[in-house]
Amino acid sequence: MRIALSQISSGPDPAANLDLVRAEVAAACAAGARLLVLPEATSCCFGVPLAPVAEPVDGPWATSLERTAEDAGLTVVAGAFSPGAGGRVRNTLLARGAGVRDHYDKVHLFDAYGYAESDTVEAGERHVVLDVDGVGVGLSTCYDVRFPGLATALADAGAQVLVVAASWGEGPGKAEQWDLLTRARALDSTSWVLACGQARPPGPSGDAPTGIGRSRVVDPLGVVVAELGEEPGRLVVDLDLDRVRTVRETLPVLRNRRV
């Protein structure tokens, strides 16, 4: 299964960000990818009011994404924001194209390091595993990567590949934590991990979690097989799905769990 990760730096204008997405879809399609992963907050970066840009999961931005993905004939996962209760939004991953039409609302909200995502974002409640060409692809967003139970639950539900779409915040030790956590979740679930983050923005980001880059593909034994630095870029990787089966036979952590 050929996949692509596009490490972009989205801005506050959803229309401009959609142009970025279209360019990345075209490049992924030309490379023969069947799945393209874009970061959390692709439709609009953090650091601006989110309610004005939130749209239903069948709204204009999602519809344009779906049309682009369907025309290209591949599945695209991209971060957006949808309306929530009480004036809040939901931190949503849209999955569209090649017969896939689903979405995931971020379950674990980033109330940490002095930042309170729950002030403006309503938590989701549903785990999502996509079927992409017969391959189970589980969805997660940023802070979710700190919770091993989600990774194993997605694997239990049939995921062989885990997407982690992120806009990882800057801070002491945060890059090292990202590196460790993405590898750990691959080992917990004995799955491929596709961790796609926002590139580091060109200017100061203030307190908003606008990204540090470091997108990567991790194999089921926690080996990083491809990664990017901080700048915008793209990874195209062929995933060996037989490796998931082999690793789960030789290191059956999912089967050996007692709690």
C-alpha atoms as a PDB file:
ATOM      1  CA  MET A   1       0.000   0.000   0.000  1.00  0.00           C
ATOM      2  CA  ARG A   2       1.550   3.279  -1.102  1.00  0.00           C
ATOM      3  CA  ILE A   3       0.827   6.203   1.210  1.00  0.00           C
ATOM      4  CA  ALA A   4       1.746   9.885   1.247  1.00  0.00           C
ATOM      5  CA  LEU A   5       2.141  12.307   4.150  1.00  0.00           C
ATOM      6  CA  SER A   6       2.023  16.024   3.361  1.00  0.00           C
ATOM      7  CA  GLN A   7       3.595  18.248   5.986  1.00  0.00           C
ATOM      8  CA  ILE A   8       2.075  21.639   5.255  1.00  0.00           C
ATOM      9  CA  SER A   9       1.812  24.873   7.209  1.00  0.00           C
ATOM     10  CA  SER A  10      -1.813  25.921   7.008  1.00  0.00           C
ATOM     11  CA  GLY A  11      -2.897  29.504   7.570  1.00  0.00           C
ATOM     12  CA  PRO A  12      -6.096  31.175   8.783  1.00  0.00           C
ATOM     13  CA  ASP A  13      -7.822  31.216   5.354  1.00  0.00           C
ATOM     14  CA  PRO A  14      -9.679  27.937   4.612  1.00  0.00           C
ATOM     15  CA  ALA A  15      -9.876  28.725   0.881  1.00  0.00           C
ATOM     16  CA  ALA A  16      -6.112  29.187   0.626  1.00  0.00           C
ATOM     17  CA  ASN A  17      -5.586  26.009   2.627  1.00  0.00           C
ATOM     18  CA  LEU A  18      -7.863  24.134   0.233  1.00  0.00           C
ATOM     19  CA  ASP A  19      -5.569  25.201  -2.607  1.00  0.00           C
ATOM     20  CA  LEU A  20      -2.665  23.686  -0.651  1.00  0.00           C
ATOM     21  CA  VAL A  21      -4.648  20.469  -0.267  1.00  0.00           C
ATOM     22  CA  ARG A  22      -5.422  20.299  -3.975  1.00  0.00           C
ATOM     23  CA  ALA A  23      -1.733  20.602  -4.813  1.00  0.00           C
ATOM     24  CA  GLU A  24      -0.841  17.849  -2.351  1.00  0.00           C
ATOM     25  CA  VAL A  25      -3.589  15.570  -3.666  1.00  0.00           C
ATOM     26  CA  ALA A  26      -2.310  16.042  -7.207  1.00  0.00           C
ATOM     27  CA  ALA A  27       1.250  15.221  -6.128  1.00  0.00           C
ATOM     28  CA  ALA A  28       0.159  12.166  -4.141  1.00  0.00           C
ATOM     29  CA  CYS A  29      -1.932  10.925  -7.036  1.00  0.00           C
ATOM     30  CA  ALA A  30       0.980  11.372  -9.460  1.00  0.00           C
ATOM     31  CA  ALA A  31       3.158   9.343  -7.067  1.00  0.00           C
ATOM     32  CA  GLY A  32       0.635   6.499  -7.069  1.00  0.00           C
ATOM     33  CA  ALA A  33      -0.438   6.854  -3.429  1.00  0.00           C
ATOM     34  CA  ARG A  34      -3.721   5.293  -2.327  1.00  0.00           C
ATOM     35  CA  LEU A  35      -3.895   7.222   0.975  1.00  0.00           C
ATOM     36  CA  LEU A  36      -2.857  10.821   1.632  1.00  0.00           C
ATOM     37  CA  VAL A  37      -2.591  12.089   5.204  1.00  0.00           C
ATOM     38  CA  LEU A  38      -2.542  15.809   6.000  1.00  0.00           C
ATOM     39  CA  PRO A  39      -2.157  17.378   9.449  1.00  0.00           C
ATOM     40  CA  GLU A  40      -4.595  18.385  12.132  1.00  0.00           C
ATOM     41  CA  ALA A  41      -6.008  21.876  11.493  1.00  0.00           C
ATOM     42  CA  THR A  42      -5.470  21.658   7.728  1.00  0.00           C
ATOM     43  CA  SER A  43      -8.579  23.752   7.033  1.00  0.00           C
ATOM     44  CA  CYS A  44      -7.487  26.518   9.428  1.00  0.00           C
ATOM     45  CA  CYS A  45      -4.503  26.913  11.721  1.00  0.00           C
ATOM     46  CA  PHE A  46      -4.765  27.326  15.471  1.00  0.00           C
ATOM     47  CA  GLY A  47      -4.286  30.786  16.956  1.00  0.00           C
ATOM     48  CA  VAL A  48      -7.454  32.322  15.493  1.00  0.00           C
ATOM     49  CA  PRO A  49     -11.119  31.979  16.589  1.00  0.00           C
ATOM     50  CA  LEU A  50     -12.278  28.562  15.405  1.00  0.00           C
ATOM     51  CA  ALA A  51     -16.063  28.906  15.605  1.00  0.00           C
ATOM     52  CA  PRO A  52     -16.285  31.209  12.544  1.00  0.00           C
ATOM     53  CA  VAL A  53     -14.465  28.649  10.358  1.00  0.00           C
ATOM     54  CA  ALA A  54     -16.216  25.522  11.674  1.00  0.00           C
ATOM     55  CA  GLU A  55     -18.428  23.813   9.098  1.00  0.00           C
ATOM     56  CA  PRO A  56     -20.581  20.667   9.154  1.00  0.00           C
ATOM     57  CA  VAL A  57     -18.856  17.520   7.950  1.00  0.00           C
ATOM     58  CA  ASP A  58     -20.905  17.808   4.749  1.00  0.00           C
ATOM     59  CA  GLY A  59     -20.295  21.567   4.426  1.00  0.00           C
ATOM     60  CA  PRO A  60     -18.585  23.440   1.575  1.00  0.00           C
ATOM     61  CA  TRP A  61     -14.959  22.804   2.643  1.00  0.00           C
ATOM     62  CA  ALA A  62     -15.570  19.079   3.192  1.00  0.00           C
ATOM     63  CA  THR A  63     -17.501  18.842  -0.075  1.00  0.00           C
ATOM     64  CA  SER A  64     -14.622  20.423  -1.988  1.00  0.00           C
ATOM     65  CA  LEU A  65     -12.184  18.061  -0.292  1.00  0.00           C
ATOM     66  CA  GLU A  66     -14.348  15.088  -1.227  1.00  0.00           C
ATOM     67  CA  ARG A  67     -14.650  16.180  -4.846  1.00  0.00           C
ATOM     68  CA  THR A  68     -10.879  16.641  -5.079  1.00  0.00           C
ATOM     69  CA  ALA A  69     -10.193  13.246  -3.521  1.00  0.00           C
ATOM     70  CA  GLU A  70     -12.770  11.441  -5.650  1.00  0.00           C
ATOM     71  CA  ASP A  71     -11.475  13.028  -8.842  1.00  0.00           C
ATOM     72  CA  ALA A  72      -7.958  11.885  -7.948  1.00  0.00           C
ATOM     73  CA  GLY A  73      -9.146   8.396  -6.971  1.00  0.00           C
ATOM     74  CA  LEU A  74      -7.458   8.220  -3.576  1.00  0.00           C
ATOM     75  CA  THR A  75      -8.460   8.556   0.071  1.00  0.00           C
ATOM     76  CA  VAL A  76      -7.528  11.798   1.841  1.00  0.00           C
ATOM     77  CA  VAL A  77      -7.460  12.410   5.600  1.00  0.00           C
ATOM     78  CA  ALA A  78      -7.302  16.082   6.611  1.00  0.00           C
ATOM     79  CA  GLY A  79      -7.904  18.050   9.796  1.00  0.00           C
ATOM     80  CA  ALA A  80     -10.788  20.512  10.037  1.00  0.00           C
ATOM     81  CA  PHE A  81     -13.253  21.927  12.574  1.00  0.00           C
ATOM     82  CA  SER A  82     -16.967  21.201  12.791  1.00  0.00           C
ATOM     83  CA  PRO A  83     -19.651  22.813  14.986  1.00  0.00           C
ATOM     84  CA  GLY A  84     -19.994  21.524  18.555  1.00  0.00           C
ATOM     85  CA  ALA A  85     -22.331  22.240  21.437  1.00  0.00           C
ATOM     86  CA  GLY A  86     -22.440  25.473  23.389  1.00  0.00           C
ATOM     87  CA  GLY A  87     -20.503  27.544  20.888  1.00  0.00           C
ATOM     88  CA  ARG A  88     -17.540  25.182  20.878  1.00  0.00           C
ATOM     89  CA  VAL A  89     -16.230  23.267  17.861  1.00  0.00           C
ATOM     90  CA  ARG A  90     -15.104  19.700  17.289  1.00  0.00           C
ATOM     91  CA  ASN A  91     -11.545  18.977  16.209  1.00  0.00           C
ATOM     92  CA  THR A  92     -12.393  16.798  13.236  1.00  0.00           C
ATOM     93  CA  LEU A  93     -10.499  14.597  10.811  1.00  0.00           C
ATOM     94  CA  LEU A  94     -12.302  14.316   7.489  1.00  0.00           C
ATOM     95  CA  ALA A  95     -11.739  11.117   5.490  1.00  0.00           C
ATOM     96  CA  ARG A  96     -12.881  11.339   1.891  1.00  0.00           C
ATOM     97  CA  GLY A  97     -12.362   9.739  -1.493  1.00  0.00           C
ATOM     98  CA  ALA A  98     -12.066   6.346  -3.212  1.00  0.00           C
ATOM     99  CA  GLY A  99     -15.308   5.170  -1.656  1.00  0.00           C
ATOM    100  CA  VAL A 100     -14.431   6.413   1.869  1.00  0.00           C
ATOM    101  CA  ARG A 101     -16.665   8.984   3.568  1.00  0.00           C
ATOM    102  CA  ASP A 102     -16.234   9.260   7.327  1.00  0.00           C
ATOM    103  CA  HIS A 103     -14.946  11.568  10.032  1.00  0.00           C
ATOM    104  CA  TYR A 104     -13.333  11.364  13.454  1.00  0.00           C
ATOM    105  CA  ASP A 105     -13.777  13.910  16.251  1.00  0.00           C
ATOM    106  CA  LYS A 106     -10.769  14.111  18.558  1.00  0.00           C
ATOM    107  CA  VAL A 107     -11.497  12.218  21.775  1.00  0.00           C
ATOM    108  CA  HIS A 108      -8.682  13.434  24.057  1.00  0.00           C
ATOM    109  CA  LEU A 109      -8.548  17.216  24.423  1.00  0.00           C
ATOM    110  CA  PHE A 110      -5.265  18.986  25.098  1.00  0.00           C
ATOM    111  CA  ASP A 111      -5.796  20.419  28.576  1.00  0.00           C
ATOM    112  CA  ALA A 112      -2.108  20.440  29.435  1.00  0.00           C
ATOM    113  CA  TYR A 113       0.974  22.676  29.525  1.00  0.00           C
ATOM    114  CA  GLY A 114      -1.267  25.607  30.463  1.00  0.00           C
ATOM    115  CA  TYR A 115      -3.416  25.233  27.345  1.00  0.00           C
ATOM    116  CA  ALA A 116      -7.117  24.336  27.620  1.00  0.00           C
ATOM    117  CA  GLU A 117      -8.425  22.952  24.339  1.00  0.00           C
ATOM    118  CA  SER A 118     -11.682  22.082  26.092  1.00  0.00           C
ATOM    119  CA  ASP A 119     -12.475  25.803  26.447  1.00  0.00           C
ATOM    120  CA  THR A 120     -13.230  25.953  22.733  1.00  0.00           C
ATOM    121  CA  VAL A 121     -13.439  22.312  21.608  1.00  0.00           C
ATOM    122  CA  GLU A 122     -15.973  19.607  22.418  1.00  0.00           C
ATOM    123  CA  ALA A 123     -14.608  16.071  22.742  1.00  0.00           C
ATOM    124  CA  GLY A 124     -15.626  13.319  20.361  1.00  0.00           C
ATOM    125  CA  GLU A 125     -16.843   9.924  21.523  1.00  0.00           C
ATOM    126  CA  ARG A 126     -16.378   7.523  18.603  1.00  0.00           C
ATOM    127  CA  HIS A 127     -13.389   5.482  17.451  1.00  0.00           C
ATOM    128  CA  VAL A 128     -12.985   5.300  13.673  1.00  0.00           C
ATOM    129  CA  VAL A 129     -11.294   2.659  11.513  1.00  0.00           C
ATOM    130  CA  LEU A 130     -11.456   3.253   7.767  1.00  0.00           C
ATOM    131  CA  ASP A 131     -11.379   0.600   5.069  1.00  0.00           C
ATOM    132  CA  VAL A 132      -8.867   1.792   2.474  1.00  0.00           C
ATOM    133  CA  ASP A 133      -8.443  -0.825  -0.247  1.00  0.00           C
ATOM    134  CA  GLY A 134      -9.199  -3.526   2.311  1.00  0.00           C
ATOM    135  CA  VAL A 135      -6.693  -2.160   4.846  1.00  0.00           C
ATOM    136  CA  GLY A 136      -7.881  -1.005   8.280  1.00  0.00           C
ATOM    137  CA  VAL A 137      -6.746   2.568   8.967  1.00  0.00           C
ATOM    138  CA  GLY A 138      -7.416   3.944  12.453  1.00  0.00           C
ATOM    139  CA  LEU A 139      -7.685   7.684  13.051  1.00  0.00           C
ATOM    140  CA  SER A 140      -6.278   9.762  15.903  1.00  0.00           C
ATOM    141  CA  THR A 141      -5.354  13.389  16.458  1.00  0.00           C
ATOM    142  CA  CYS A 142      -2.351  14.937  18.211  1.00  0.00           C
ATOM    143  CA  TYR A 143      -2.865  14.559  22.009  1.00  0.00           C
ATOM    144  CA  ASP A 144      -4.484  11.165  21.335  1.00  0.00           C
ATOM    145  CA  VAL A 145      -0.965   9.809  20.760  1.00  0.00           C
ATOM    146  CA  ARG A 146      -0.331   9.996  24.526  1.00  0.00           C
ATOM    147  CA  PHE A 147      -3.031   7.379  25.215  1.00  0.00           C
ATOM    148  CA  PRO A 148      -1.941   3.815  24.411  1.00  0.00           C
ATOM    149  CA  GLY A 149      -5.445   2.481  25.028  1.00  0.00           C
ATOM    150  CA  LEU A 150      -6.718   4.246  21.929  1.00  0.00           C
ATOM    151  CA  ALA A 151      -4.002   2.721  19.752  1.00  0.00           C
ATOM    152  CA  THR A 152      -4.737  -0.792  21.000  1.00  0.00           C
ATOM    153  CA  ALA A 153      -8.507  -0.260  20.696  1.00  0.00           C
ATOM    154  CA  LEU A 154      -8.063   0.752  17.063  1.00  0.00           C
ATOM    155  CA  ALA A 155      -5.915  -2.330  16.426  1.00  0.00           C
ATOM    156  CA  ASP A 156      -8.566  -4.496  18.119  1.00  0.00           C
ATOM    157  CA  ALA A 157     -11.115  -2.948  15.742  1.00  0.00           C
ATOM    158  CA  GLY A 158      -9.099  -4.035  12.715  1.00  0.00           C
ATOM    159  CA  ALA A 159      -6.563  -1.262  12.174  1.00  0.00           C
ATOM    160  CA  GLN A 160      -3.239  -2.259  10.648  1.00  0.00           C
ATOM    161  CA  VAL A 161      -2.277   1.364  10.089  1.00  0.00           C
ATOM    162  CA  LEU A 162      -2.709   4.209  12.586  1.00  0.00           C
ATOM    163  CA  VAL A 163      -2.923   7.828  11.477  1.00  0.00           C
ATOM    164  CA  VAL A 164      -1.769  10.506  13.930  1.00  0.00           C
ATOM    165  CA  ALA A 165      -2.618  13.918  12.476  1.00  0.00           C
ATOM    166  CA  ALA A 166      -1.085  16.672  14.582  1.00  0.00           C
ATOM    167  CA  SER A 167      -0.333  20.329  15.109  1.00  0.00           C
ATOM    168  CA  TRP A 168       2.240  19.607  17.804  1.00  0.00           C
ATOM    169  CA  GLY A 169       2.972  22.493  20.150  1.00  0.00           C
ATOM    170  CA  GLU A 170       6.450  23.863  20.752  1.00  0.00           C
ATOM    171  CA  GLY A 171       8.047  23.552  24.195  1.00  0.00           C
ATOM    172  CA  PRO A 172      10.916  22.039  26.186  1.00  0.00           C
ATOM    173  CA  GLY A 173      11.160  18.327  25.473  1.00  0.00           C
ATOM    174  CA  LYS A 174       8.100  18.308  23.203  1.00  0.00           C
ATOM    175  CA  ALA A 175       9.980  17.188  20.076  1.00  0.00           C
ATOM    176  CA  GLU A 176      11.557  14.315  21.992  1.00  0.00           C
ATOM    177  CA  GLN A 177       8.153  13.311  23.339  1.00  0.00           C
ATOM    178  CA  TRP A 178       6.682  13.277  19.833  1.00  0.00           C
ATOM    179  CA  ASP A 179       9.502  11.029  18.653  1.00  0.00           C
ATOM    180  CA  LEU A 180       9.052   8.644  21.580  1.00  0.00           C
ATOM    181  CA  LEU A 181       5.249   8.543  21.552  1.00  0.00           C
ATOM    182  CA  THR A 182       4.858   7.849  17.846  1.00  0.00           C
ATOM    183  CA  ARG A 183       7.258   4.901  18.123  1.00  0.00           C
ATOM    184  CA  ALA A 184       5.613   3.646  21.319  1.00  0.00           C
ATOM    185  CA  ARG A 185       2.138   3.594  19.784  1.00  0.00           C
ATOM    186  CA  ALA A 186       3.465   1.510  16.886  1.00  0.00           C
ATOM    187  CA  LEU A 187       4.853  -0.999  19.384  1.00  0.00           C
ATOM    188  CA  ASP A 188       1.707  -0.995  21.536  1.00  0.00           C
ATOM    189  CA  SER A 189      -0.502  -1.797  18.571  1.00  0.00           C
ATOM    190  CA  THR A 190       2.040  -3.590  16.340  1.00  0.00           C
ATOM    191  CA  SER A 191       0.782  -1.383  13.520  1.00  0.00           C
ATOM    192  CA  TRP A 192       2.230   1.045  11.042  1.00  0.00           C
ATOM    193  CA  VAL A 193       2.011   4.626  12.338  1.00  0.00           C
ATOM    194  CA  LEU A 194       1.620   7.538   9.938  1.00  0.00           C
ATOM    195  CA  ALA A 195       2.323  10.633  12.029  1.00  0.00           C
ATOM    196  CA  CYS A 196       1.731  13.805  10.034  1.00  0.00           C
ATOM    197  CA  GLY A 197       2.309  17.163  11.698  1.00  0.00           C
ATOM    198  CA  GLN A 198       2.042  20.771  10.704  1.00  0.00           C
ATOM    199  CA  ALA A 199       5.341  22.223   9.504  1.00  0.00           C
ATOM    200  CA  ARG A 200       6.914  24.876  11.677  1.00  0.00           C
ATOM    201  CA  PRO A 201       5.302  28.188  10.644  1.00  0.00           C
ATOM    202  CA  PRO A 202       7.513  30.912   9.194  1.00  0.00           C
ATOM    203  CA  GLY A 203       6.832  33.435  11.970  1.00  0.00           C
ATOM    204  CA  PRO A 204       6.285  33.412  15.752  1.00  0.00           C
ATOM    205  CA  SER A 205       3.355  31.241  16.852  1.00  0.00           C
ATOM    206  CA  GLY A 206       2.713  32.653  20.322  1.00  0.00           C
ATOM    207  CA  ASP A 207       0.862  30.191  22.520  1.00  0.00           C
ATOM    208  CA  ALA A 208      -0.950  28.439  19.669  1.00  0.00           C
ATOM    209  CA  PRO A 209       0.119  24.845  18.866  1.00  0.00           C
ATOM    210  CA  THR A 210       1.050  25.565  15.266  1.00  0.00           C
ATOM    211  CA  GLY A 211       3.465  22.707  14.651  1.00  0.00           C
ATOM    212  CA  ILE A 212       7.093  21.629  14.712  1.00  0.00           C
ATOM    213  CA  GLY A 213       7.107  19.318  11.693  1.00  0.00           C
ATOM    214  CA  ARG A 214       8.904  15.962  12.175  1.00  0.00           C
ATOM    215  CA  SER A 215       6.294  13.925  10.298  1.00  0.00           C
ATOM    216  CA  ARG A 216       7.268  10.269  10.111  1.00  0.00           C
ATOM    217  CA  VAL A 217       6.335   6.739   9.152  1.00  0.00           C
ATOM    218  CA  VAL A 218       6.989   4.126  11.838  1.00  0.00           C
ATOM    219  CA  ASP A 219       6.878   0.370  11.300  1.00  0.00           C
ATOM    220  CA  PRO A 220       5.132  -2.125  13.655  1.00  0.00           C
ATOM    221  CA  LEU A 221       8.341  -2.634  15.657  1.00  0.00           C
ATOM    222  CA  GLY A 222       8.817   1.081  16.257  1.00  0.00           C
ATOM    223  CA  VAL A 223      11.442   1.634  13.567  1.00  0.00           C
ATOM    224  CA  VAL A 224      11.259   5.025  11.841  1.00  0.00           C
ATOM    225  CA  VAL A 225      11.464   4.246   8.125  1.00  0.00           C
ATOM    226  CA  ALA A 226      11.012   7.802   6.810  1.00  0.00           C
ATOM    227  CA  GLU A 227      10.767  11.253   8.371  1.00  0.00           C
ATOM    228  CA  LEU A 228      10.855  14.958   7.641  1.00  0.00           C
ATOM    229  CA  GLY A 229      12.420  17.921   9.390  1.00  0.00           C
ATOM    230  CA  GLU A 230      10.643  21.143  10.321  1.00  0.00           C
ATOM    231  CA  GLU A 231      10.001  22.587   6.859  1.00  0.00           C
ATOM    232  CA  PRO A 232       7.063  21.764   4.569  1.00  0.00           C
ATOM    233  CA  GLY A 233       7.604  18.528   2.710  1.00  0.00           C
ATOM    234  CA  ARG A 234       6.136  15.247   1.574  1.00  0.00           C
ATOM    235  CA  LEU A 235       6.782  11.557   2.260  1.00  0.00           C
ATOM    236  CA  VAL A 236       5.754   8.755  -0.097  1.00  0.00           C
ATOM    237  CA  VAL A 237       6.227   5.284   1.377  1.00  0.00           C
ATOM    238  CA  ASP A 238       5.219   1.763   0.391  1.00  0.00           C
ATOM    239  CA  LEU A 239       3.828  -0.012   3.472  1.00  0.00           C
ATOM    240  CA  ASP A 240       4.417  -3.762   3.705  1.00  0.00           C
ATOM    241  CA  LEU A 241       1.148  -4.955   5.277  1.00  0.00           C
ATOM    242  CA  ASP A 242       2.527  -8.493   5.634  1.00  0.00           C
ATOM    243  CA  ARG A 243       4.901  -6.991   8.187  1.00  0.00           C
ATOM    244  CA  VAL A 244       1.938  -6.314  10.466  1.00  0.00           C
ATOM    245  CA  ARG A 245       0.912  -9.970  10.332  1.00  0.00           C
ATOM    246  CA  THR A 246       4.484 -11.204  10.873  1.00  0.00           C
ATOM    247  CA  VAL A 247       5.140  -8.878  13.808  1.00  0.00           C
ATOM    248  CA  ARG A 248       1.828  -9.758  15.447  1.00  0.00           C
ATOM    249  CA  GLU A 249       2.729 -13.434  15.211  1.00  0.00           C
ATOM    250  CA  THR A 250       6.229 -13.019  16.657  1.00  0.00           C
ATOM    251  CA  LEU A 251       5.374 -10.275  19.189  1.00  0.00           C
ATOM    252  CA  PRO A 252       1.730 -10.962  20.095  1.00  0.00           C
ATOM    253  CA  VAL A 253       1.286  -8.144  22.615  1.00  0.00           C
ATOM    254  CA  LEU A 254      -2.334  -7.646  21.626  1.00  0.00           C
ATOM    255  CA  ARG A 255      -3.124 -11.308  22.252  1.00  0.00           C
ATOM    256  CA  ASN A 256      -1.023 -11.550  25.414  1.00  0.00           C
ATOM    257  CA  ARG A 257      -2.721  -8.656  27.245  1.00  0.00           C
ATOM    258  CA  ARG A 258      -4.208  -9.515  30.610  1.00  0.00           C
ATOM    259  CA  VAL A 259      -5.666  -6.090  31.457  1.00  0.00           C
END
